[in-house]
Structures are given as structure tokens and as C-alpha cells.
N, C-alpha and C. Protein backbone atom coordinates (compact mmCIF):
# COMPACT_ATOMS: atom_id res chain seq x y z
N MET A 1 117.68 331.01 79.33
CA MET A 1 118.16 332.22 78.85
C MET A 1 117.39 333.52 79.17
N GLU A 2 116.18 333.47 78.89
CA GLU A 2 115.33 334.61 79.17
C GLU A 2 115.11 334.82 80.80
N ARG A 3 115.14 333.74 81.36
CA ARG A 3 115.09 333.67 82.77
C ARG A 3 116.22 334.58 83.52
N ALA A 4 117.38 334.15 83.11
CA ALA A 4 118.62 334.74 83.43
C ALA A 4 118.64 336.32 83.27
N ARG A 5 118.31 336.66 82.06
CA ARG A 5 118.05 338.01 81.65
C ARG A 5 117.19 338.85 82.58
N THR A 6 116.01 338.17 82.83
CA THR A 6 114.89 338.80 83.67
C THR A 6 115.52 338.91 85.17
N ARG A 7 116.32 338.03 85.61
CA ARG A 7 116.87 338.10 86.78
C ARG A 7 118.02 339.17 87.04
N LYS A 8 118.74 339.33 85.98
CA LYS A 8 119.78 340.34 85.93
C LYS A 8 119.05 341.79 85.71
N LEU A 9 118.05 341.83 85.06
CA LEU A 9 117.32 343.24 84.94
C LEU A 9 116.75 343.49 86.39
N THR A 10 116.15 342.48 86.96
CA THR A 10 115.53 342.80 88.25
C THR A 10 116.47 343.19 89.18
N LEU A 11 117.58 342.53 89.27
CA LEU A 11 118.75 342.87 90.23
C LEU A 11 119.26 344.18 89.96
N THR A 12 119.46 344.46 88.68
CA THR A 12 119.87 345.80 88.32
C THR A 12 119.07 346.97 88.60
N ALA A 13 117.68 346.81 88.54
CA ALA A 13 116.83 347.79 88.98
C ALA A 13 116.85 347.75 90.55
N LEU A 14 116.86 346.88 91.30
CA LEU A 14 116.97 346.80 92.70
C LEU A 14 118.31 347.56 93.22
N LEU A 15 119.42 347.28 92.50
CA LEU A 15 120.59 347.77 92.97
C LEU A 15 120.54 349.29 92.53
N THR A 16 119.94 349.66 91.65
CA THR A 16 119.73 351.01 91.13
C THR A 16 118.93 351.91 92.37
N ALA A 17 117.90 351.19 92.73
CA ALA A 17 117.11 351.78 93.81
C ALA A 17 117.93 351.93 95.04
N VAL A 18 118.46 350.91 95.40
CA VAL A 18 119.45 350.97 96.76
C VAL A 18 120.60 352.03 96.58
N ASN A 19 121.13 352.20 95.32
CA ASN A 19 122.10 353.01 95.13
C ASN A 19 121.61 354.58 95.36
N VAL A 20 120.54 354.78 94.64
CA VAL A 20 119.76 356.24 94.77
C VAL A 20 119.48 356.52 96.30
N LEU A 21 118.92 355.50 97.00
CA LEU A 21 118.43 355.67 98.36
C LEU A 21 119.78 355.92 99.25
N LEU A 22 120.79 355.10 99.11
CA LEU A 22 121.98 355.25 100.05
C LEU A 22 122.71 356.57 99.65
N SER A 23 122.64 356.93 98.31
CA SER A 23 123.24 358.20 97.97
C SER A 23 122.59 359.41 98.71
N GLN A 24 121.30 359.28 99.02
CA GLN A 24 120.82 360.36 99.77
C GLN A 24 121.19 360.55 101.07
N LEU A 25 121.68 359.31 101.71
CA LEU A 25 121.96 359.27 103.19
C LEU A 25 123.60 359.31 103.46
N ILE A 26 124.32 358.83 102.44
CA ILE A 26 125.83 358.83 102.59
C ILE A 26 126.41 359.51 101.46
N TYR A 27 126.97 360.82 101.69
CA TYR A 27 127.81 361.50 100.70
C TYR A 27 128.73 362.51 101.38
N ILE A 28 129.84 362.79 100.70
CA ILE A 28 130.60 363.73 101.18
C ILE A 28 130.72 364.84 100.24
N PRO A 29 130.29 366.14 100.50
CA PRO A 29 130.43 367.25 99.56
C PRO A 29 131.87 367.68 99.47
N LEU A 30 132.32 367.84 98.29
CA LEU A 30 133.73 368.17 97.89
C LEU A 30 133.65 369.19 96.69
N GLY A 31 133.42 370.41 97.14
CA GLY A 31 133.31 371.58 96.27
C GLY A 31 132.21 371.34 95.19
N PRO A 32 132.47 371.17 93.78
CA PRO A 32 131.37 371.08 92.97
C PRO A 32 130.92 369.49 92.73
N ILE A 33 131.42 368.55 93.40
CA ILE A 33 131.20 367.17 93.28
C ILE A 33 130.60 366.67 94.70
N LYS A 34 129.86 365.70 94.54
CA LYS A 34 129.50 364.99 95.79
C LYS A 34 130.11 363.42 95.74
N ALA A 35 130.91 363.11 96.60
CA ALA A 35 131.58 361.99 96.64
C ALA A 35 130.53 360.96 97.22
N LEU A 36 130.39 359.76 96.55
CA LEU A 36 129.44 358.83 96.97
C LEU A 36 130.14 357.48 96.93
N PRO A 37 130.54 357.03 98.10
CA PRO A 37 131.12 355.71 98.18
C PRO A 37 130.07 354.59 97.84
N MET A 38 128.84 354.78 98.03
CA MET A 38 127.85 353.75 97.69
C MET A 38 127.63 353.57 96.36
N GLN A 39 127.99 354.39 95.51
CA GLN A 39 127.98 354.40 93.94
C GLN A 39 129.08 353.33 93.72
N HIS A 40 130.12 353.41 94.23
CA HIS A 40 131.30 352.34 93.92
C HIS A 40 131.02 351.02 94.47
N LEU A 41 130.36 351.01 95.65
CA LEU A 41 130.07 349.71 96.15
C LEU A 41 128.96 349.05 95.33
N ILE A 42 128.05 349.63 94.90
CA ILE A 42 127.06 349.24 93.96
C ILE A 42 127.64 348.85 92.65
N ASN A 43 128.45 349.64 92.17
CA ASN A 43 129.23 349.26 90.80
C ASN A 43 129.91 347.85 90.93
N VAL A 44 130.72 347.76 91.93
CA VAL A 44 131.44 346.49 92.04
C VAL A 44 130.49 345.38 92.26
N VAL A 45 129.53 345.47 93.06
CA VAL A 45 128.49 344.52 93.17
C VAL A 45 127.74 344.13 91.80
N CYS A 46 127.53 344.98 91.03
CA CYS A 46 126.92 344.96 89.63
C CYS A 46 127.90 344.15 88.77
N ALA A 47 129.14 344.64 88.91
CA ALA A 47 130.20 344.02 88.17
C ALA A 47 130.35 342.45 88.31
N VAL A 48 130.21 342.14 89.52
CA VAL A 48 130.40 340.65 89.93
C VAL A 48 129.16 339.91 89.54
N THR A 49 127.81 340.60 89.83
CA THR A 49 126.54 339.79 89.83
C THR A 49 125.97 339.75 88.44
N VAL A 50 126.12 340.93 87.83
CA VAL A 50 125.08 340.99 86.60
C VAL A 50 125.86 341.23 85.37
N GLY A 51 127.21 341.74 85.33
CA GLY A 51 128.00 341.97 84.20
C GLY A 51 128.05 343.26 83.67
N PRO A 52 128.83 343.48 82.65
CA PRO A 52 129.26 344.86 82.19
C PRO A 52 128.07 345.78 81.78
N TRP A 53 127.15 345.15 80.96
CA TRP A 53 126.34 346.14 80.32
C TRP A 53 125.10 346.60 81.36
N PHE A 54 124.65 345.55 82.11
CA PHE A 54 123.70 345.92 83.29
C PHE A 54 124.37 346.94 84.26
N ALA A 55 125.68 346.59 84.58
CA ALA A 55 126.42 347.43 85.51
C ALA A 55 126.41 348.97 84.96
N VAL A 56 126.56 349.07 83.74
CA VAL A 56 126.88 350.50 83.13
C VAL A 56 125.30 351.00 83.08
N MET A 57 124.35 350.27 82.87
CA MET A 57 123.08 350.67 82.87
C MET A 57 122.61 351.28 84.32
N GLN A 58 123.10 350.43 85.31
CA GLN A 58 122.83 350.82 86.74
C GLN A 58 123.37 352.07 86.94
N ALA A 59 124.65 352.30 86.59
CA ALA A 59 125.41 353.57 86.82
C ALA A 59 124.71 354.73 86.10
N LEU A 60 124.36 354.54 84.89
CA LEU A 60 123.64 355.62 84.05
C LEU A 60 122.28 355.87 84.84
N MET A 61 121.37 354.89 85.19
CA MET A 61 120.24 355.20 85.58
C MET A 61 120.15 355.89 87.07
N SER A 62 121.35 355.42 87.80
CA SER A 62 121.49 356.14 89.08
C SER A 62 121.75 357.38 88.93
N SER A 63 122.64 357.75 87.93
CA SER A 63 123.18 359.14 87.87
C SER A 63 122.10 359.99 87.23
N ILE A 64 121.17 359.49 86.48
CA ILE A 64 120.23 360.33 85.96
C ILE A 64 119.04 360.63 87.05
N ILE A 65 118.76 359.51 88.01
CA ILE A 65 117.69 359.65 89.00
C ILE A 65 118.37 360.77 89.99
N ARG A 66 119.56 360.55 90.38
CA ARG A 66 120.28 361.38 91.37
C ARG A 66 120.24 362.82 90.98
N ASN A 67 120.34 363.07 89.49
CA ASN A 67 120.44 364.39 89.15
C ASN A 67 119.00 365.01 89.06
N MET A 68 117.99 364.16 88.70
CA MET A 68 116.60 364.56 88.66
C MET A 68 116.01 365.06 89.95
N VAL A 69 116.67 364.36 91.07
CA VAL A 69 116.04 364.77 92.34
C VAL A 69 116.94 365.62 93.16
N GLY A 70 118.02 366.05 92.57
CA GLY A 70 118.87 367.11 93.01
C GLY A 70 120.00 366.54 93.92
N THR A 71 120.26 365.23 93.92
CA THR A 71 121.22 364.77 94.91
C THR A 71 122.64 364.35 94.21
N GLY A 72 122.68 364.84 92.78
CA GLY A 72 123.88 364.35 92.20
C GLY A 72 124.39 365.38 91.20
N THR A 73 125.49 365.28 90.57
CA THR A 73 125.91 366.31 89.83
C THR A 73 126.27 365.71 88.52
N PHE A 74 126.62 366.48 87.52
CA PHE A 74 127.07 365.91 86.15
C PHE A 74 128.33 365.12 86.16
N PHE A 75 129.02 365.29 87.14
CA PHE A 75 130.31 364.61 87.26
C PHE A 75 130.08 363.15 87.65
N ALA A 76 128.80 362.84 88.09
CA ALA A 76 128.48 361.47 88.34
C ALA A 76 128.46 360.56 87.10
N PHE A 77 128.19 361.11 86.04
CA PHE A 77 128.11 360.23 84.82
C PHE A 77 129.34 359.60 84.19
N PRO A 78 130.37 360.49 84.15
CA PRO A 78 131.59 359.72 83.45
C PRO A 78 132.32 358.82 84.44
N GLY A 79 132.34 359.21 85.64
CA GLY A 79 133.03 358.53 86.73
C GLY A 79 132.23 357.14 87.00
N SER A 80 131.06 357.25 87.28
CA SER A 80 130.23 355.97 87.59
C SER A 80 130.27 354.91 86.45
N MET A 81 129.90 355.59 85.27
CA MET A 81 129.78 354.55 84.16
C MET A 81 131.08 353.93 83.60
N ILE A 82 132.16 354.61 83.51
CA ILE A 82 133.40 354.16 83.30
C ILE A 82 133.98 353.08 84.27
N GLY A 83 133.68 353.61 85.51
CA GLY A 83 134.13 352.55 86.61
C GLY A 83 133.28 351.24 86.54
N ALA A 84 132.01 351.41 86.37
CA ALA A 84 131.27 350.18 86.38
C ALA A 84 131.74 349.19 85.07
N LEU A 85 132.04 349.97 84.03
CA LEU A 85 132.37 349.19 82.78
C LEU A 85 133.74 348.47 83.08
N LEU A 86 134.72 349.24 83.50
CA LEU A 86 136.03 348.67 83.69
C LEU A 86 136.13 347.65 84.78
N SER A 87 135.42 347.77 85.90
CA SER A 87 135.12 346.84 86.89
C SER A 87 134.71 345.61 86.48
N SER A 88 133.46 345.68 85.72
CA SER A 88 132.81 344.54 85.08
C SER A 88 133.84 343.76 84.20
N LEU A 89 134.57 344.55 83.12
CA LEU A 89 135.31 343.94 82.17
C LEU A 89 136.56 343.06 82.92
N LEU A 90 137.14 343.70 83.95
CA LEU A 90 138.29 343.13 84.57
C LEU A 90 137.74 341.92 85.31
N TYR A 91 136.60 341.96 86.02
CA TYR A 91 136.02 340.73 86.87
C TYR A 91 135.77 339.85 85.73
N ARG A 92 135.10 340.02 84.62
CA ARG A 92 134.78 338.99 83.70
C ARG A 92 136.05 338.25 83.19
N ARG A 93 137.10 338.99 82.98
CA ARG A 93 138.41 338.45 82.59
C ARG A 93 139.13 337.56 83.50
N TYR A 94 139.21 338.17 84.76
CA TYR A 94 139.89 337.39 85.74
C TYR A 94 139.23 336.64 86.87
N LYS A 95 137.88 336.89 87.03
CA LYS A 95 137.17 336.09 87.91
C LYS A 95 137.62 336.31 89.32
N LYS A 96 138.11 337.45 89.66
CA LYS A 96 138.53 337.82 91.03
C LYS A 96 138.03 339.24 91.37
N VAL A 97 137.55 339.22 92.57
CA VAL A 97 136.78 340.53 92.95
C VAL A 97 137.78 341.57 93.26
N GLY A 98 139.03 341.34 93.50
CA GLY A 98 140.11 342.30 93.57
C GLY A 98 140.28 343.06 92.32
N PHE A 99 140.14 342.32 91.18
CA PHE A 99 140.27 343.10 89.85
C PHE A 99 139.19 343.97 89.65
N ALA A 100 137.72 343.61 90.16
CA ALA A 100 136.70 344.36 90.04
C ALA A 100 136.76 345.80 90.75
N VAL A 101 137.58 345.62 92.07
CA VAL A 101 137.82 346.71 92.87
C VAL A 101 138.87 347.73 92.02
N ILE A 102 139.98 347.09 91.58
CA ILE A 102 140.91 347.80 90.68
C ILE A 102 140.34 348.63 89.59
N GLY A 103 139.56 347.79 88.77
CA GLY A 103 138.76 348.37 87.71
C GLY A 103 137.99 349.60 88.21
N GLU A 104 137.26 349.53 89.11
CA GLU A 104 136.30 350.57 89.74
C GLU A 104 137.32 351.98 90.12
N ALA A 105 138.45 351.64 90.71
CA ALA A 105 139.39 352.73 91.18
C ALA A 105 140.07 353.30 90.03
N ILE A 106 140.57 352.69 88.95
CA ILE A 106 140.93 353.15 87.82
C ILE A 106 140.02 353.76 86.81
N GLY A 107 138.84 353.22 86.57
CA GLY A 107 137.96 353.65 85.88
C GLY A 107 137.20 355.04 86.25
N THR A 108 137.01 355.05 87.67
CA THR A 108 136.38 356.11 88.14
C THR A 108 137.38 357.27 88.51
N GLY A 109 138.44 356.75 89.32
CA GLY A 109 139.40 357.65 89.90
C GLY A 109 140.33 358.26 88.85
N LEU A 110 140.78 357.68 87.92
CA LEU A 110 141.65 358.21 87.04
C LEU A 110 141.06 358.47 85.67
N ILE A 111 140.44 357.67 85.07
CA ILE A 111 139.76 357.93 83.67
C ILE A 111 138.56 358.81 83.92
N GLY A 112 137.61 358.45 84.80
CA GLY A 112 136.48 359.19 85.05
C GLY A 112 136.77 360.54 85.37
N SER A 113 137.71 360.91 86.31
CA SER A 113 137.97 362.25 86.64
C SER A 113 138.79 363.09 85.48
N LEU A 114 139.48 362.34 84.65
CA LEU A 114 140.07 363.05 83.32
C LEU A 114 138.99 363.47 82.39
N ILE A 115 138.12 362.53 82.36
CA ILE A 115 136.80 362.81 81.45
C ILE A 115 135.90 363.90 81.90
N CYS A 116 136.12 364.19 83.37
CA CYS A 116 135.25 365.32 83.91
C CYS A 116 135.81 366.81 83.40
N ILE A 117 137.14 366.77 82.76
CA ILE A 117 137.68 367.98 82.16
C ILE A 117 136.73 368.75 81.24
N PRO A 118 136.24 368.09 80.34
CA PRO A 118 135.25 368.69 79.29
C PRO A 118 134.01 369.03 79.99
N VAL A 119 133.55 368.36 80.95
CA VAL A 119 132.31 368.58 81.71
C VAL A 119 132.53 369.90 82.44
N MET A 120 133.69 370.08 83.05
CA MET A 120 134.12 371.39 83.84
C MET A 120 134.18 372.60 82.76
N TRP A 121 134.67 372.38 81.78
CA TRP A 121 134.84 373.43 80.70
C TRP A 121 133.42 373.89 80.23
N MET A 122 132.64 372.94 80.14
CA MET A 122 131.22 373.25 79.58
C MET A 122 130.44 374.00 80.81
N MET A 123 130.68 373.42 82.16
CA MET A 123 130.04 374.21 83.16
C MET A 123 130.85 375.40 83.66
N ASN A 124 131.76 375.79 82.88
CA ASN A 124 132.71 377.00 83.25
C ASN A 124 133.18 376.93 84.73
N THR A 125 133.63 375.69 84.96
CA THR A 125 134.18 375.66 86.31
C THR A 125 135.76 375.55 86.22
N ASP A 126 136.57 376.06 87.10
CA ASP A 126 137.86 376.24 87.08
C ASP A 126 138.61 374.75 86.98
N ILE A 127 139.35 374.49 86.04
CA ILE A 127 139.88 373.23 85.79
C ILE A 127 140.96 372.89 86.90
N THR A 128 141.45 373.79 87.74
CA THR A 128 142.33 373.44 88.92
C THR A 128 141.67 372.64 90.00
N VAL A 129 140.27 372.77 89.71
CA VAL A 129 139.46 371.94 90.77
C VAL A 129 139.72 370.29 90.55
N LEU A 130 140.37 370.07 89.35
CA LEU A 130 140.60 368.60 89.18
C LEU A 130 141.63 368.05 90.26
N LYS A 131 142.43 369.10 90.64
CA LYS A 131 143.53 368.68 91.77
C LYS A 131 142.84 368.00 92.95
N VAL A 132 141.58 368.41 93.20
CA VAL A 132 140.68 368.07 94.39
C VAL A 132 139.89 366.78 93.89
N ILE A 133 139.33 366.97 92.61
CA ILE A 133 138.51 365.79 92.24
C ILE A 133 139.21 364.43 92.08
N MET A 134 140.32 364.55 91.33
CA MET A 134 140.97 363.24 91.16
C MET A 134 141.45 362.44 92.47
N PRO A 135 141.87 363.14 93.31
CA PRO A 135 142.24 362.21 94.55
C PRO A 135 140.98 362.06 95.42
N ALA A 136 139.81 362.83 95.24
CA ALA A 136 138.77 362.55 95.92
C ALA A 136 137.92 361.31 95.19
N PHE A 137 137.86 361.38 93.76
CA PHE A 137 137.40 360.15 93.22
C PHE A 137 138.16 358.86 93.46
N ILE A 138 139.43 358.98 93.36
CA ILE A 138 140.26 357.69 93.61
C ILE A 138 139.90 357.21 95.05
N ILE A 139 139.96 358.12 96.06
CA ILE A 139 139.90 357.74 97.48
C ILE A 139 138.38 357.21 97.70
N ASN A 140 137.54 357.75 97.15
CA ASN A 140 136.09 357.58 97.25
C ASN A 140 135.85 356.26 96.66
N SER A 141 136.35 355.90 95.53
CA SER A 141 136.05 354.52 94.83
C SER A 141 136.76 353.59 95.49
N ILE A 142 137.95 353.80 95.95
CA ILE A 142 138.53 352.56 96.76
C ILE A 142 137.89 352.26 97.94
N ILE A 143 137.36 353.36 98.82
CA ILE A 143 136.52 353.03 99.96
C ILE A 143 135.30 352.24 99.67
N GLY A 144 134.58 352.57 98.66
CA GLY A 144 133.19 351.96 98.32
C GLY A 144 133.61 350.60 97.69
N SER A 145 134.60 350.53 96.81
CA SER A 145 134.91 349.10 96.23
C SER A 145 135.41 348.14 97.51
N THR A 146 136.21 348.68 98.35
CA THR A 146 136.71 347.78 99.25
C THR A 146 135.42 347.16 100.22
N ILE A 147 134.52 348.13 100.56
CA ILE A 147 133.43 347.60 101.21
C ILE A 147 132.70 346.51 100.39
N ALA A 148 132.56 346.81 99.12
CA ALA A 148 131.82 345.96 98.25
C ALA A 148 132.58 344.52 98.21
N ALA A 149 133.85 344.65 97.99
CA ALA A 149 134.60 343.36 98.08
C ALA A 149 134.47 342.49 99.44
N ILE A 150 134.48 343.12 100.48
CA ILE A 150 134.07 342.51 101.64
C ILE A 150 132.62 342.02 101.68
N LEU A 151 131.67 342.80 101.41
CA LEU A 151 130.39 342.26 101.40
C LEU A 151 130.12 341.10 100.38
N ILE A 152 130.91 341.09 99.18
CA ILE A 152 130.75 340.04 98.20
C ILE A 152 131.31 338.75 98.79
N LYS A 153 132.44 338.79 99.58
CA LYS A 153 133.22 337.54 99.92
C LYS A 153 132.46 336.98 101.05
N VAL A 154 131.86 337.92 102.00
CA VAL A 154 130.97 337.40 103.01
C VAL A 154 129.71 336.67 102.55
N THR A 155 128.98 337.36 101.44
CA THR A 155 127.85 336.65 100.99
C THR A 155 128.19 335.30 100.17
N ALA A 156 129.16 335.37 99.69
CA ALA A 156 129.61 334.22 98.82
C ALA A 156 129.91 333.06 99.76
N ARG A 157 130.77 333.39 100.81
CA ARG A 157 131.03 332.36 101.73
C ARG A 157 129.85 331.67 102.56
N ARG A 158 128.67 332.52 102.73
CA ARG A 158 127.42 332.05 103.19
C ARG A 158 126.58 331.33 102.24
N GLY A 159 126.95 331.50 100.92
CA GLY A 159 126.14 330.72 99.92
C GLY A 159 124.95 331.51 99.26
N ILE A 160 124.96 332.86 99.62
CA ILE A 160 123.89 333.86 99.17
C ILE A 160 124.19 334.15 97.74
N ILE A 161 125.55 334.18 97.26
CA ILE A 161 125.65 334.50 95.86
C ILE A 161 126.95 333.44 95.44
N LYS A 162 126.85 333.14 94.23
CA LYS A 162 127.85 332.31 93.50
C LYS A 162 128.94 333.22 92.92
N LEU A 163 130.12 333.01 93.09
CA LEU A 163 131.08 333.70 92.31
C LEU A 163 131.83 332.76 91.04
């Protein structure tokens, strides 16, 4: 039991580091947000490999670190954490990677972008920006999640991970 928890914690830390590094290299600036498809890729990988709470912690830590080094925005928090949680819970329930992708897209794209409304209000940002943010979050999460699904299926077929 303790060994499994240590493995999950180590993998979560590694995926957090990979996420922060890739977010420095691959991002799409969209007004007040930075679209990071690698965040969604890592969220789905975490959902499948380590489970809900570790996936949420990875999303939280990645968002904190990216904000500390100046490569993230406060919009990263609601989207990434809700996406990671919903992705993990749907994967846990149905044991299909496709449900993890759907969970990430709904959690980040729909729910996360709606949760950004109070953040926009606190930052004194025009709420009409939501018309840009919601489609961007949805498209961005679908792209990253789909890449993750392909990566997971390839590594599972080769015996690198177990599903």
C-alpha cells in the first residue's frame, strides 16, 4: 500500500515537472489566457495513471508553479483542476480512456470556463471575453486530451503502462 502511494506521488511530481516544462514551450496566447494543450494531456495521463486526488494536486501544483514563473494566468486554476477531477472520476467509473477525454473537455471547457467568470470579475476583465475563452478552453482541452488518449493507448499496447 505504501509503495503504491509513493509510486503515485513520484509519478505526480514527475508529470507536474513535465507539464511546467512543456507549458514553457507549447502555448497559444488568447487575450487574457494562455491556452496550454499540454496541461490537458498531463491531466488525462494523471487521470488514468494515478487517480483523482493526485491528478488534482498535479493540476494545482502546475498552476502555482506556472504563475510563480510568469508563464501562467489565474485562469489556469479552475480549468485545470476541475478538468483533472472530472477526467479522473469518469475514468475511474468507466475504465475507458475516452471517458477521461470527455471529462477533461467538459471539466475544463465548460465548467472551468464558467468558473472563470468570478475570476474575471475580480481581475476587472470584461465578461464578454468569455465568448473567446469558452471555445478556446474546449478546443484546447480536446486537442491535449486526444493526444493523451493516443499516447496512453500506444504505451498500453507496448506494455509500458497497464490500463
